[in-house]
Amino acid sequence: MIQERQDKKVALAVDTSSSEAPTILINNIVKLFETVKPDTILVQADFKIRSISPIKSDSIQYHNHGKSSYTLVLEWAAEEKVDTLFYITDVTGFFSEEIEVDYEMFWLVPGEFLPRVPFGKAIKVA
């Protein structure tokens, strides 16, 4: 999937709202993007965007409050004209129901449970 998007603007967002996230799995996903599509933009966010940077797997910082909102990242992706957004999250965060997503969206969901997503496609990663 990543290789098919070599000529596209791709971003990978990581939900950093909990340090209980499967960090090894998340780091491996980030490393995969780093290797296969090194121009991917890495967005770290919880209830706000914490950082936007070139992709680097050793740069992720987690927080322990458990609050996450997807709205700012989704709006950022639209403003930056991202073609494809991959979002590593458990899909328990908030998003504005008024948001319009006109780019390709993949929710990369770690764990056993694959929730319904409001738009885009959910993919279980383990």
PDB file of N, CA and C in Angstrom:
ATOM      1  N   MET A   1       0.815  -1.200   0.000  1.00  0.00           N
ATOM      2  CA  MET A   1       0.000   0.000   0.000  1.00  0.00           C
ATOM      3  C   MET A   1       0.858   1.263   0.000  1.00  0.00           C
ATOM      4  N   ILE A   2       1.934   1.234   0.750  1.00  0.00           N
ATOM      5  CA  ILE A   2       2.799   2.415   0.836  1.00  0.00           C
ATOM      6  C   ILE A   2       3.517   2.621  -0.494  1.00  0.00           C
ATOM      7  N   GLN A   3       4.036   1.550  -1.069  1.00  0.00           N
ATOM      8  CA  GLN A   3       4.772   1.649  -2.327  1.00  0.00           C
ATOM      9  C   GLN A   3       3.900   2.166  -3.463  1.00  0.00           C
ATOM     10  N   GLU A   4       2.608   1.874  -3.426  1.00  0.00           N
ATOM     11  CA  GLU A   4       1.688   2.339  -4.461  1.00  0.00           C
ATOM     12  C   GLU A   4       1.501   3.852  -4.417  1.00  0.00           C
ATOM     13  N   ARG A   5       1.955   4.487  -3.356  1.00  0.00           N
ATOM     14  CA  ARG A   5       1.750   5.924  -3.171  1.00  0.00           C
ATOM     15  C   ARG A   5       3.053   6.717  -3.250  1.00  0.00           C
ATOM     16  N   GLN A   6       4.019   6.215  -3.997  1.00  0.00           N
ATOM     17  CA  GLN A   6       5.323   6.877  -4.088  1.00  0.00           C
ATOM     18  C   GLN A   6       5.227   8.288  -4.642  1.00  0.00           C
ATOM     19  N   ASP A   7       4.309   8.529  -5.550  1.00  0.00           N
ATOM     20  CA  ASP A   7       4.182   9.852  -6.152  1.00  0.00           C
ATOM     21  C   ASP A   7       3.117  10.709  -5.470  1.00  0.00           C
ATOM     22  N   LYS A   8       2.691  10.302  -4.304  1.00  0.00           N
ATOM     23  CA  LYS A   8       1.646  11.020  -3.557  1.00  0.00           C
ATOM     24  C   LYS A   8       2.230  11.678  -2.307  1.00  0.00           C
ATOM     25  N   LYS A   9       1.527  12.699  -1.819  1.00  0.00           N
ATOM     26  CA  LYS A   9       1.894  13.323  -0.543  1.00  0.00           C
ATOM     27  C   LYS A   9       1.242  12.506   0.568  1.00  0.00           C
ATOM     28  N   VAL A  10       2.082  11.877   1.386  1.00  0.00           N
ATOM     29  CA  VAL A  10       1.607  10.942   2.414  1.00  0.00           C
ATOM     30  C   VAL A  10       1.999  11.459   3.794  1.00  0.00           C
ATOM     31  N   ALA A  11       1.069  11.317   4.737  1.00  0.00           N
ATOM     32  CA  ALA A  11       1.358  11.641   6.134  1.00  0.00           C
ATOM     33  C   ALA A  11       0.970  10.447   6.997  1.00  0.00           C
ATOM     34  N   LEU A  12       1.733  10.256   8.057  1.00  0.00           N
ATOM     35  CA  LEU A  12       1.451   9.227   9.047  1.00  0.00           C
ATOM     36  C   LEU A  12       1.256   9.930  10.381  1.00  0.00           C
ATOM     37  N   ALA A  13       0.046   9.833  10.931  1.00  0.00           N
ATOM     38  CA  ALA A  13      -0.237  10.427  12.232  1.00  0.00           C
ATOM     39  C   ALA A  13      -0.207   9.331  13.286  1.00  0.00           C
ATOM     40  N   VAL A  14       0.332   9.672  14.458  1.00  0.00           N
ATOM     41  CA  VAL A  14       0.394   8.733  15.574  1.00  0.00           C
ATOM     42  C   VAL A  14      -0.336   9.360  16.753  1.00  0.00           C
ATOM     43  N   ASP A  15      -1.312   8.626  17.290  1.00  0.00           N
ATOM     44  CA  ASP A  15      -2.034   9.056  18.491  1.00  0.00           C
ATOM     45  C   ASP A  15      -1.107   8.829  19.689  1.00  0.00           C
ATOM     46  N   THR A  16      -0.661   9.910  20.301  1.00  0.00           N
ATOM     47  CA  THR A  16       0.308   9.833  21.401  1.00  0.00           C
ATOM     48  C   THR A  16      -0.345  10.059  22.762  1.00  0.00           C
ATOM     49  N   SER A  17      -1.649   9.825  22.866  1.00  0.00           N
ATOM     50  CA  SER A  17      -2.374  10.158  24.094  1.00  0.00           C
ATOM     51  C   SER A  17      -2.161   9.186  25.240  1.00  0.00           C
ATOM     52  N   SER A  18      -1.521   8.059  24.994  1.00  0.00           N
ATOM     53  CA  SER A  18      -1.321   7.085  26.060  1.00  0.00           C
ATOM     54  C   SER A  18       0.023   6.384  25.912  1.00  0.00           C
ATOM     55  N   SER A  19       0.737   6.276  27.021  1.00  0.00           N
ATOM     56  CA  SER A  19       1.998   5.536  26.982  1.00  0.00           C
ATOM     57  C   SER A  19       1.747   4.031  27.025  1.00  0.00           C
ATOM     58  N   GLU A  20       0.486   3.622  27.148  1.00  0.00           N
ATOM     59  CA  GLU A  20       0.138   2.203  27.123  1.00  0.00           C
ATOM     60  C   GLU A  20      -0.024   1.694  25.697  1.00  0.00           C
ATOM     61  N   ALA A  21       0.221   2.549  24.732  1.00  0.00           N
ATOM     62  CA  ALA A  21       0.146   2.144  23.327  1.00  0.00           C
ATOM     63  C   ALA A  21       1.211   1.079  23.064  1.00  0.00           C
ATOM     64  N   PRO A  22       0.967   0.205  22.092  1.00  0.00           N
ATOM     65  CA  PRO A  22       1.971  -0.818  21.751  1.00  0.00           C
ATOM     66  C   PRO A  22       3.156  -0.170  21.018  1.00  0.00           C
ATOM     67  N   THR A  23       4.073   0.382  21.791  1.00  0.00           N
ATOM     68  CA  THR A  23       5.144   1.204  21.227  1.00  0.00           C
ATOM     69  C   THR A  23       6.047   0.458  20.258  1.00  0.00           C
ATOM     70  N   ILE A  24       6.326  -0.808  20.505  1.00  0.00           N
ATOM     71  CA  ILE A  24       7.183  -1.566  19.586  1.00  0.00           C
ATOM     72  C   ILE A  24       6.497  -1.702  18.225  1.00  0.00           C
ATOM     73  N   LEU A  25       5.216  -2.043  18.233  1.00  0.00           N
ATOM     74  CA  LEU A  25       4.453  -2.161  16.998  1.00  0.00           C
ATOM     75  C   LEU A  25       4.418  -0.817  16.264  1.00  0.00           C
ATOM     76  N   ILE A  26       4.127   0.238  16.984  1.00  0.00           N
ATOM     77  CA  ILE A  26       4.055   1.568  16.366  1.00  0.00           C
ATOM     78  C   ILE A  26       5.410   1.959  15.784  1.00  0.00           C
ATOM     79  N   ASN A  27       6.493   1.735  16.517  1.00  0.00           N
ATOM     80  CA  ASN A  27       7.827   2.046  15.997  1.00  0.00           C
ATOM     81  C   ASN A  27       8.138   1.248  14.738  1.00  0.00           C
ATOM     82  N   ASN A  28       7.702  -0.014  14.696  1.00  0.00           N
ATOM     83  CA  ASN A  28       7.930  -0.830  13.505  1.00  0.00           C
ATOM     84  C   ASN A  28       7.162  -0.291  12.294  1.00  0.00           C
ATOM     85  N   ILE A  29       5.947   0.181  12.516  1.00  0.00           N
ATOM     86  CA  ILE A  29       5.164   0.774  11.425  1.00  0.00           C
ATOM     87  C   ILE A  29       5.853   2.047  10.933  1.00  0.00           C
ATOM     88  N   VAL A  30       6.305   2.881  11.862  1.00  0.00           N
ATOM     89  CA  VAL A  30       6.991   4.119  11.491  1.00  0.00           C
ATOM     90  C   VAL A  30       8.276   3.792  10.728  1.00  0.00           C
ATOM     91  N   LYS A  31       9.019   2.795  11.182  1.00  0.00           N
ATOM     92  CA  LYS A  31      10.246   2.387  10.479  1.00  0.00           C
ATOM     93  C   LYS A  31       9.938   1.912   9.066  1.00  0.00           C
ATOM     94  N   LEU A  32       8.834   1.202   8.903  1.00  0.00           N
ATOM     95  CA  LEU A  32       8.433   0.746   7.576  1.00  0.00           C
ATOM     96  C   LEU A  32       8.213   1.947   6.652  1.00  0.00           C
ATOM     97  N   PHE A  33       7.461   2.937   7.121  1.00  0.00           N
ATOM     98  CA  PHE A  33       7.242   4.149   6.318  1.00  0.00           C
ATOM     99  C   PHE A  33       8.574   4.854   6.055  1.00  0.00           C
ATOM    100  N   GLU A  34       9.411   4.924   7.076  1.00  0.00           N
ATOM    101  CA  GLU A  34      10.717   5.581   6.965  1.00  0.00           C
ATOM    102  C   GLU A  34      11.560   4.925   5.868  1.00  0.00           C
ATOM    103  N   THR A  35      11.462   3.609   5.744  1.00  0.00           N
ATOM    104  CA  THR A  35      12.242   2.863   4.761  1.00  0.00           C
ATOM    105  C   THR A  35      11.620   2.930   3.368  1.00  0.00           C
ATOM    106  N   VAL A  36      10.315   2.687   3.292  1.00  0.00           N
ATOM    107  CA  VAL A  36       9.645   2.550   2.001  1.00  0.00           C
ATOM    108  C   VAL A  36       9.304   3.914   1.373  1.00  0.00           C
ATOM    109  N   LYS A  37       8.939   4.892   2.201  1.00  0.00           N
ATOM    110  CA  LYS A  37       8.561   6.216   1.689  1.00  0.00           C
ATOM    111  C   LYS A  37       9.141   7.285   2.617  1.00  0.00           C
ATOM    112  N   PRO A  38      10.438   7.558   2.496  1.00  0.00           N
ATOM    113  CA  PRO A  38      11.129   8.446   3.432  1.00  0.00           C
ATOM    114  C   PRO A  38      10.671   9.901   3.418  1.00  0.00           C
ATOM    115  N   ASP A  39       9.874  10.301   2.422  1.00  0.00           N
ATOM    116  CA  ASP A  39       9.363  11.672   2.420  1.00  0.00           C
ATOM    117  C   ASP A  39       8.009  11.780   3.130  1.00  0.00           C
ATOM    118  N   THR A  40       7.590  10.715   3.810  1.00  0.00           N
ATOM    119  CA  THR A  40       6.355  10.752   4.598  1.00  0.00           C
ATOM    120  C   THR A  40       6.498  11.777   5.715  1.00  0.00           C
ATOM    121  N   ILE A  41       5.417  12.508   5.971  1.00  0.00           N
ATOM    122  CA  ILE A  41       5.388  13.487   7.059  1.00  0.00           C
ATOM    123  C   ILE A  41       4.841  12.788   8.297  1.00  0.00           C
ATOM    124  N   LEU A  42       5.531  12.920   9.418  1.00  0.00           N
ATOM    125  CA  LEU A  42       5.099  12.317  10.688  1.00  0.00           C
ATOM    126  C   LEU A  42       4.403  13.373  11.535  1.00  0.00           C
ATOM    127  N   VAL A  43       3.175  13.075  11.935  1.00  0.00           N
ATOM    128  CA  VAL A  43       2.397  13.976  12.784  1.00  0.00           C
ATOM    129  C   VAL A  43       2.146  13.263  14.103  1.00  0.00           C
ATOM    130  N   GLN A  44       2.586  13.875  15.201  1.00  0.00           N
ATOM    131  CA  GLN A  44       2.314  13.329  16.530  1.00  0.00           C
ATOM    132  C   GLN A  44       1.237  14.197  17.168  1.00  0.00           C
ATOM    133  N   ALA A  45       0.176  13.548  17.628  1.00  0.00           N
ATOM    134  CA  ALA A  45      -0.945  14.319  18.155  1.00  0.00           C
ATOM    135  C   ALA A  45      -1.696  13.535  19.217  1.00  0.00           C
ATOM    136  N   ASP A  46      -2.305  14.281  20.110  1.00  0.00           N
ATOM    137  CA  ASP A  46      -3.260  13.715  21.055  1.00  0.00           C
ATOM    138  C   ASP A  46      -4.494  14.609  20.977  1.00  0.00           C
ATOM    139  N   PHE A  47      -4.731  15.489  21.947  1.00  0.00           N
ATOM    140  CA  PHE A  47      -5.837  16.426  21.807  1.00  0.00           C
ATOM    141  C   PHE A  47      -5.405  17.667  21.032  1.00  0.00           C
ATOM    142  N   LYS A  48      -4.109  17.739  20.727  1.00  0.00           N
ATOM    143  CA  LYS A  48      -3.581  18.796  19.871  1.00  0.00           C
ATOM    144  C   LYS A  48      -2.404  18.221  19.091  1.00  0.00           C
ATOM    145  N   ILE A  49      -1.990  18.911  18.065  1.00  0.00           N
ATOM    146  CA  ILE A  49      -0.828  18.467  17.306  1.00  0.00           C
ATOM    147  C   ILE A  49       0.409  18.817  18.118  1.00  0.00           C
ATOM    148  N   ARG A  50       1.209  17.796  18.428  1.00  0.00           N
ATOM    149  CA  ARG A  50       2.426  17.992  19.223  1.00  0.00           C
ATOM    150  C   ARG A  50       3.630  18.297  18.337  1.00  0.00           C
ATOM    151  N   SER A  51       3.695  17.639  17.175  1.00  0.00           N
ATOM    152  CA  SER A  51       4.802  17.924  16.262  1.00  0.00           C
ATOM    153  C   SER A  51       4.476  17.439  14.862  1.00  0.00           C
ATOM    154  N   ILE A  52       5.082  18.120  13.898  1.00  0.00           N
ATOM    155  CA  ILE A  52       5.013  17.747  12.490  1.00  0.00           C
ATOM    156  C   ILE A  52       6.455  17.768  12.010  1.00  0.00           C
ATOM    157  N   SER A  53       6.923  16.619  11.504  1.00  0.00           N
ATOM    158  CA  SER A  53       8.341  16.520  11.162  1.00  0.00           C
ATOM    159  C   SER A  53       8.552  15.469  10.084  1.00  0.00           C
ATOM    160  N   PRO A  54       9.756  15.419   9.531  1.00  0.00           N
ATOM    161  CA  PRO A  54      10.082  14.284   8.660  1.00  0.00           C
ATOM    162  C   PRO A  54       9.994  12.999   9.484  1.00  0.00           C
ATOM    163  N   ILE A  55       9.687  11.912   8.824  1.00  0.00           N
ATOM    164  CA  ILE A  55       9.467  10.655   9.547  1.00  0.00           C
ATOM    165  C   ILE A  55      10.763  10.147  10.179  1.00  0.00           C
ATOM    166  N   LYS A  56      10.666   9.776  11.457  1.00  0.00           N
ATOM    167  CA  LYS A  56      11.813   9.241  12.209  1.00  0.00           C
ATOM    168  C   LYS A  56      11.235   8.439  13.372  1.00  0.00           C
ATOM    169  N   SER A  57      11.520   7.153  13.408  1.00  0.00           N
ATOM    170  CA  SER A  57      10.872   6.259  14.373  1.00  0.00           C
ATOM    171  C   SER A  57      11.289   6.501  15.817  1.00  0.00           C
ATOM    172  N   ASP A  58      12.454   7.086  16.032  1.00  0.00           N
ATOM    173  CA  ASP A  58      12.893   7.267  17.420  1.00  0.00           C
ATOM    174  C   ASP A  58      12.477   8.613  18.006  1.00  0.00           C
ATOM    175  N   SER A  59      11.568   9.311  17.354  1.00  0.00           N
ATOM    176  CA  SER A  59      11.199  10.644  17.812  1.00  0.00           C
ATOM    177  C   SER A  59       9.817  10.719  18.469  1.00  0.00           C
ATOM    178  N   ILE A  60       9.130   9.603  18.642  1.00  0.00           N
ATOM    179  CA  ILE A  60       7.767   9.632  19.161  1.00  0.00           C
ATOM    180  C   ILE A  60       7.772   9.758  20.681  1.00  0.00           C
ATOM    181  N   GLN A  61       6.982  10.721  21.169  1.00  0.00           N
ATOM    182  CA  GLN A  61       6.843  10.935  22.608  1.00  0.00           C
ATOM    183  C   GLN A  61       5.376  10.741  22.986  1.00  0.00           C
ATOM    184  N   TYR A  62       5.144   9.884  23.968  1.00  0.00           N
ATOM    185  CA  TYR A  62       3.787   9.576  24.406  1.00  0.00           C
ATOM    186  C   TYR A  62       3.451  10.369  25.666  1.00  0.00           C
ATOM    187  N   HIS A  63       2.144  10.557  25.871  1.00  0.00           N
ATOM    188  CA  HIS A  63       1.631  11.288  27.027  1.00  0.00           C
ATOM    189  C   HIS A  63       0.659  10.376  27.769  1.00  0.00           C
ATOM    190  N   ASN A  64       0.376  10.680  29.015  1.00  0.00           N
ATOM    191  CA  ASN A  64      -0.412   9.760  29.834  1.00  0.00           C
ATOM    192  C   ASN A  64      -1.831  10.217  30.161  1.00  0.00           C
ATOM    193  N   HIS A  65      -2.361  11.184  29.463  1.00  0.00           N
ATOM    194  CA  HIS A  65      -3.682  11.687  29.832  1.00  0.00           C
ATOM    195  C   HIS A  65      -4.829  10.946  29.151  1.00  0.00           C
ATOM    196  N   GLY A  66      -4.577  10.247  28.066  1.00  0.00           N
ATOM    197  CA  GLY A  66      -5.606   9.453  27.405  1.00  0.00           C
ATOM    198  C   GLY A  66      -6.599  10.234  26.563  1.00  0.00           C
ATOM    199  N   LYS A  67      -6.435  11.545  26.419  1.00  0.00           N
ATOM    200  CA  LYS A  67      -7.375  12.347  25.637  1.00  0.00           C
ATOM    201  C   LYS A  67      -6.855  12.490  24.214  1.00  0.00           C
ATOM    202  N   SER A  68      -7.723  12.192  23.243  1.00  0.00           N
ATOM    203  CA  SER A  68      -7.303  12.402  21.866  1.00  0.00           C
ATOM    204  C   SER A  68      -8.451  12.971  21.041  1.00  0.00           C
ATOM    205  N   SER A  69      -8.058  13.804  20.087  1.00  0.00           N
ATOM    206  CA  SER A  69      -8.989  14.387  19.134  1.00  0.00           C
ATOM    207  C   SER A  69      -8.331  14.326  17.774  1.00  0.00           C
ATOM    208  N   TYR A  70      -9.083  13.914  16.789  1.00  0.00           N
ATOM    209  CA  TYR A  70      -8.537  13.774  15.444  1.00  0.00           C
ATOM    210  C   TYR A  70      -8.764  15.017  14.586  1.00  0.00           C
ATOM    211  N   THR A  71      -9.614  15.913  15.035  1.00  0.00           N
ATOM    212  CA  THR A  71     -10.044  17.055  14.223  1.00  0.00           C
ATOM    213  C   THR A  71      -8.884  17.883  13.688  1.00  0.00           C
ATOM    214  N   LEU A  72      -7.955  18.290  14.556  1.00  0.00           N
ATOM    215  CA  LEU A  72      -6.861  19.158  14.107  1.00  0.00           C
ATOM    216  C   LEU A  72      -5.976  18.475  13.067  1.00  0.00           C
ATOM    217  N   VAL A  73      -5.713  17.192  13.243  1.00  0.00           N
ATOM    218  CA  VAL A  73      -4.889  16.464  12.272  1.00  0.00           C
ATOM    219  C   VAL A  73      -5.629  16.350  10.938  1.00  0.00           C
ATOM    220  N   LEU A  74      -6.905  16.036  10.988  1.00  0.00           N
ATOM    221  CA  LEU A  74      -7.692  15.908   9.762  1.00  0.00           C
ATOM    222  C   LEU A  74      -7.764  17.243   9.026  1.00  0.00           C
ATOM    223  N   GLU A  75      -7.939  18.333   9.761  1.00  0.00           N
ATOM    224  CA  GLU A  75      -7.954  19.669   9.145  1.00  0.00           C
ATOM    225  C   GLU A  75      -6.581  20.019   8.571  1.00  0.00           C
ATOM    226  N   TRP A  76      -5.518  19.689   9.314  1.00  0.00           N
ATOM    227  CA  TRP A  76      -4.159  19.944   8.831  1.00  0.00           C
ATOM    228  C   TRP A  76      -3.925  19.216   7.508  1.00  0.00           C
ATOM    229  N   ALA A  77      -4.331  17.946   7.435  1.00  0.00           N
ATOM    230  CA  ALA A  77      -4.133  17.155   6.215  1.00  0.00           C
ATOM    231  C   ALA A  77      -4.860  17.781   5.028  1.00  0.00           C
ATOM    232  N   ALA A  78      -6.050  18.313   5.262  1.00  0.00           N
ATOM    233  CA  ALA A  78      -6.790  18.971   4.179  1.00  0.00           C
ATOM    234  C   ALA A  78      -6.075  20.252   3.746  1.00  0.00           C
ATOM    235  N   GLU A  79      -5.630  21.057   4.711  1.00  0.00           N
ATOM    236  CA  GLU A  79      -4.933  22.313   4.402  1.00  0.00           C
ATOM    237  C   GLU A  79      -3.630  22.068   3.655  1.00  0.00           C
ATOM    238  N   GLU A  80      -2.931  21.002   4.025  1.00  0.00           N
ATOM    239  CA  GLU A  80      -1.634  20.690   3.407  1.00  0.00           C
ATOM    240  C   GLU A  80      -1.773  19.890   2.110  1.00  0.00           C
ATOM    241  N   LYS A  81      -3.018  19.634   1.727  1.00  0.00           N
ATOM    242  CA  LYS A  81      -3.307  18.881   0.498  1.00  0.00           C
ATOM    243  C   LYS A  81      -2.609  17.509   0.482  1.00  0.00           C
ATOM    244  N   VAL A  82      -2.735  16.818   1.607  1.00  0.00           N
ATOM    245  CA  VAL A  82      -2.212  15.457   1.725  1.00  0.00           C
ATOM    246  C   VAL A  82      -3.089  14.552   0.865  1.00  0.00           C
ATOM    247  N   ASP A  83      -2.459  13.664   0.111  1.00  0.00           N
ATOM    248  CA  ASP A  83      -3.216  12.722  -0.715  1.00  0.00           C
ATOM    249  C   ASP A  83      -3.717  11.539   0.098  1.00  0.00           C
ATOM    250  N   THR A  84      -2.862  11.053   1.016  1.00  0.00           N
ATOM    251  CA  THR A  84      -3.214   9.889   1.834  1.00  0.00           C
ATOM    252  C   THR A  84      -2.744  10.122   3.260  1.00  0.00           C
ATOM    253  N   LEU A  85      -3.659   9.921   4.199  1.00  0.00           N
ATOM    254  CA  LEU A  85      -3.327  10.015   5.621  1.00  0.00           C
ATOM    255  C   LEU A  85      -3.509   8.642   6.250  1.00  0.00           C
ATOM    256  N   PHE A  86      -2.447   8.170   6.881  1.00  0.00           N
ATOM    257  CA  PHE A  86      -2.500   6.949   7.689  1.00  0.00           C
ATOM    258  C   PHE A  86      -2.499   7.417   9.137  1.00  0.00           C
ATOM    259  N   TYR A  87      -3.381   6.871   9.968  1.00  0.00           N
ATOM    260  CA  TYR A  87      -3.482   7.318  11.371  1.00  0.00           C
ATOM    261  C   TYR A  87      -3.412   6.101  12.281  1.00  0.00           C
ATOM    262  N   ILE A  88      -2.356   6.005  13.081  1.00  0.00           N
ATOM    263  CA  ILE A  88      -2.228   4.901  14.040  1.00  0.00           C
ATOM    264  C   ILE A  88      -2.952   5.318  15.316  1.00  0.00           C
ATOM    265  N   THR A  89      -4.032   4.631  15.626  1.00  0.00           N
ATOM    266  CA  THR A  89      -4.862   4.985  16.779  1.00  0.00           C
ATOM    267  C   THR A  89      -5.815   3.847  17.113  1.00  0.00           C
ATOM    268  N   ASP A  90      -6.360   3.899  18.325  1.00  0.00           N
ATOM    269  CA  ASP A  90      -7.382   2.922  18.707  1.00  0.00           C
ATOM    270  C   ASP A  90      -8.790   3.411  18.341  1.00  0.00           C
ATOM    271  N   VAL A  91      -8.892   4.553  17.708  1.00  0.00           N
ATOM    272  CA  VAL A  91     -10.136   5.155  17.236  1.00  0.00           C
ATOM    273  C   VAL A  91     -11.111   5.431  18.384  1.00  0.00           C
ATOM    274  N   THR A  92     -10.585   5.865  19.526  1.00  0.00           N
ATOM    275  CA  THR A  92     -11.453   6.228  20.650  1.00  0.00           C
ATOM    276  C   THR A  92     -11.480   7.736  20.867  1.00  0.00           C
ATOM    277  N   GLY A  93     -10.837   8.473  19.988  1.00  0.00           N
ATOM    278  CA  GLY A  93     -10.767   9.928  20.142  1.00  0.00           C
ATOM    279  C   GLY A  93     -11.965  10.643  19.548  1.00  0.00           C
ATOM    280  N   PHE A  94     -11.986  11.949  19.739  1.00  0.00           N
ATOM    281  CA  PHE A  94     -13.047  12.823  19.270  1.00  0.00           C
ATOM    282  C   PHE A  94     -12.712  13.361  17.878  1.00  0.00           C
ATOM    283  N   PHE A  95     -13.729  13.588  17.079  1.00  0.00           N
ATOM    284  CA  PHE A  95     -13.567  14.337  15.837  1.00  0.00           C
ATOM    285  C   PHE A  95     -14.861  15.088  15.577  1.00  0.00           C
ATOM    286  N   SER A  96     -14.744  16.226  14.938  1.00  0.00           N
ATOM    287  CA  SER A  96     -15.909  17.031  14.603  1.00  0.00           C
ATOM    288  C   SER A  96     -16.720  16.304  13.534  1.00  0.00           C
ATOM    289  N   GLU A  97     -18.015  16.182  13.759  1.00  0.00           N
ATOM    290  CA  GLU A  97     -18.866  15.510  12.777  1.00  0.00           C
ATOM    291  C   GLU A  97     -19.045  16.352  11.519  1.00  0.00           C
ATOM    292  N   GLU A  98     -18.663  17.616  11.592  1.00  0.00           N
ATOM    293  CA  GLU A  98     -18.803  18.510  10.445  1.00  0.00           C
ATOM    294  C   GLU A  98     -17.588  18.452   9.516  1.00  0.00           C
ATOM    295  N   ILE A  99     -16.589  17.708   9.903  1.00  0.00           N
ATOM    296  CA  ILE A  99     -15.353  17.671   9.119  1.00  0.00           C
ATOM    297  C   ILE A  99     -15.576  16.930   7.808  1.00  0.00           C
ATOM    298  N   GLU A 100     -14.970  17.458   6.745  1.00  0.00           N
ATOM    299  CA  GLU A 100     -15.044  16.814   5.443  1.00  0.00           C
ATOM    300  C   GLU A 100     -13.660  16.301   5.079  1.00  0.00           C
ATOM    301  N   VAL A 101     -13.584  15.040   4.784  1.00  0.00           N
ATOM    302  CA  VAL A 101     -12.312  14.415   4.423  1.00  0.00           C
ATOM    303  C   VAL A 101     -12.375  14.085   2.934  1.00  0.00           C
ATOM    304  N   ASP A 102     -11.559  14.779   2.146  1.00  0.00           N
ATOM    305  CA  ASP A 102     -11.570  14.550   0.703  1.00  0.00           C
ATOM    306  C   ASP A 102     -10.238  13.975   0.227  1.00  0.00           C
ATOM    307  N   TYR A 103      -9.577  13.271   1.127  1.00  0.00           N
ATOM    308  CA  TYR A 103      -8.337  12.581   0.794  1.00  0.00           C
ATOM    309  C   TYR A 103      -8.476  11.137   1.259  1.00  0.00           C
ATOM    310  N   GLU A 104      -7.558  10.307   0.822  1.00  0.00           N
ATOM    311  CA  GLU A 104      -7.586   8.893   1.185  1.00  0.00           C
ATOM    312  C   GLU A 104      -7.189   8.744   2.657  1.00  0.00           C
ATOM    313  N   MET A 105      -7.949   7.949   3.390  1.00  0.00           N
ATOM    314  CA  MET A 105      -7.748   7.840   4.837  1.00  0.00           C
ATOM    315  C   MET A 105      -7.712   6.375   5.254  1.00  0.00           C
ATOM    316  N   PHE A 106      -6.646   6.009   5.988  1.00  0.00           N
ATOM    317  CA  PHE A 106      -6.522   4.660   6.539  1.00  0.00           C
ATOM    318  C   PHE A 106      -6.287   4.763   8.039  1.00  0.00           C
ATOM    319  N   TRP A 107      -7.129   4.101   8.810  1.00  0.00           N
ATOM    320  CA  TRP A 107      -6.966   4.016  10.261  1.00  0.00           C
ATOM    321  C   TRP A 107      -6.202   2.725  10.543  1.00  0.00           C
ATOM    322  N   LEU A 108      -5.001   2.830  11.080  1.00  0.00           N
ATOM    323  CA  LEU A 108      -4.197   1.659  11.425  1.00  0.00           C
ATOM    324  C   LEU A 108      -4.428   1.388  12.905  1.00  0.00           C
ATOM    325  N   VAL A 109      -5.177   0.338  13.190  1.00  0.00           N
ATOM    326  CA  VAL A 109      -5.657   0.085  14.546  1.00  0.00           C
ATOM    327  C   VAL A 109      -4.897  -1.077  15.172  1.00  0.00           C
ATOM    328  N   PRO A 110      -4.063  -0.782  16.198  1.00  0.00           N
ATOM    329  CA  PRO A 110      -3.373  -1.872  16.886  1.00  0.00           C
ATOM    330  C   PRO A 110      -4.335  -2.592  17.829  1.00  0.00           C
ATOM    331  N   GLY A 111      -4.109  -3.863  18.031  1.00  0.00           N
ATOM    332  CA  GLY A 111      -4.929  -4.611  18.985  1.00  0.00           C
ATOM    333  C   GLY A 111      -5.896  -5.559  18.297  1.00  0.00           C
ATOM    334  N   GLU A 112      -6.695  -6.210  19.117  1.00  0.00           N
ATOM    335  CA  GLU A 112      -7.608  -7.244  18.641  1.00  0.00           C
ATOM    336  C   GLU A 112      -8.912  -6.687  18.089  1.00  0.00           C
ATOM    337  N   PHE A 113      -9.396  -5.588  18.661  1.00  0.00           N
ATOM    338  CA  PHE A 113     -10.706  -5.049  18.310  1.00  0.00           C
ATOM    339  C   PHE A 113     -10.583  -4.066  17.156  1.00  0.00           C
ATOM    340  N   LEU A 114     -11.384  -4.234  16.121  1.00  0.00           N
ATOM    341  CA  LEU A 114     -11.397  -3.316  14.986  1.00  0.00           C
ATOM    342  C   LEU A 114     -12.726  -2.554  14.995  1.00  0.00           C
ATOM    343  N   PRO A 115     -12.719  -1.319  15.481  1.00  0.00           N
ATOM    344  CA  PRO A 115     -13.967  -0.553  15.579  1.00  0.00           C
ATOM    345  C   PRO A 115     -14.426  -0.040  14.209  1.00  0.00           C
ATOM    346  N   ARG A 116     -15.676   0.374  14.164  1.00  0.00           N
ATOM    347  CA  ARG A 116     -16.169   1.046  12.963  1.00  0.00           C
ATOM    348  C   ARG A 116     -15.542   2.424  12.907  1.00  0.00           C
ATOM    349  N   VAL A 117     -15.239   2.863  11.715  1.00  0.00           N
ATOM    350  CA  VAL A 117     -14.653   4.190  11.551  1.00  0.00           C
ATOM    351  C   VAL A 117     -15.648   5.080  10.815  1.00  0.00           C
ATOM    352  N   PRO A 118     -15.597   6.385  11.086  1.00  0.00           N
ATOM    353  CA  PRO A 118     -16.578   7.299  10.496  1.00  0.00           C
ATOM    354  C   PRO A 118     -16.401   7.502   8.991  1.00  0.00           C
ATOM    355  N   PHE A 119     -15.197   7.271   8.486  1.00  0.00           N
ATOM    356  CA  PHE A 119     -14.885   7.399   7.064  1.00  0.00           C
ATOM    357  C   PHE A 119     -13.532   6.743   6.846  1.00  0.00           C
ATOM    358  N   GLY A 120     -13.186   6.546   5.617  1.00  0.00           N
ATOM    359  CA  GLY A 120     -11.914   5.885   5.320  1.00  0.00           C
ATOM    360  C   GLY A 120     -12.017   4.385   5.559  1.00  0.00           C
ATOM    361  N   LYS A 121     -10.854   3.775   5.674  1.00  0.00           N
ATOM    362  CA  LYS A 121     -10.808   2.321   5.852  1.00  0.00           C
ATOM    363  C   LYS A 121      -9.999   1.979   7.103  1.00  0.00           C
ATOM    364  N   ALA A 122     -10.539   1.086   7.920  1.00  0.00           N
ATOM    365  CA  ALA A 122      -9.835   0.621   9.120  1.00  0.00           C
ATOM    366  C   ALA A 122      -9.058  -0.643   8.783  1.00  0.00           C
ATOM    367  N   ILE A 123      -7.812  -0.691   9.250  1.00  0.00           N
ATOM    368  CA  ILE A 123      -6.964  -1.857   9.048  1.00  0.00           C
ATOM    369  C   ILE A 123      -6.387  -2.262  10.395  1.00  0.00           C
ATOM    370  N   LYS A 124      -6.620  -3.512  10.769  1.00  0.00           N
ATOM    371  CA  LYS A 124      -6.075  -4.017  12.040  1.00  0.00           C
ATOM    372  C   LYS A 124      -4.597  -4.350  11.837  1.00  0.00           C
ATOM    373  N   VAL A 125      -3.742  -3.808  12.689  1.00  0.00           N
ATOM    374  CA  VAL A 125      -2.315  -4.110  12.632  1.00  0.00           C
ATOM    375  C   VAL A 125      -1.922  -4.769  13.941  1.00  0.00           C
ATOM    376  N   ALA A 126      -1.174  -5.841  13.847  1.00  0.00           N
ATOM    377  CA  ALA A 126      -0.768  -6.553  15.060  1.00  0.00           C
ATOM    378  C   ALA A 126       0.598  -7.173  14.858  1.00  0.00           C
TER     379      ALA A 126
END
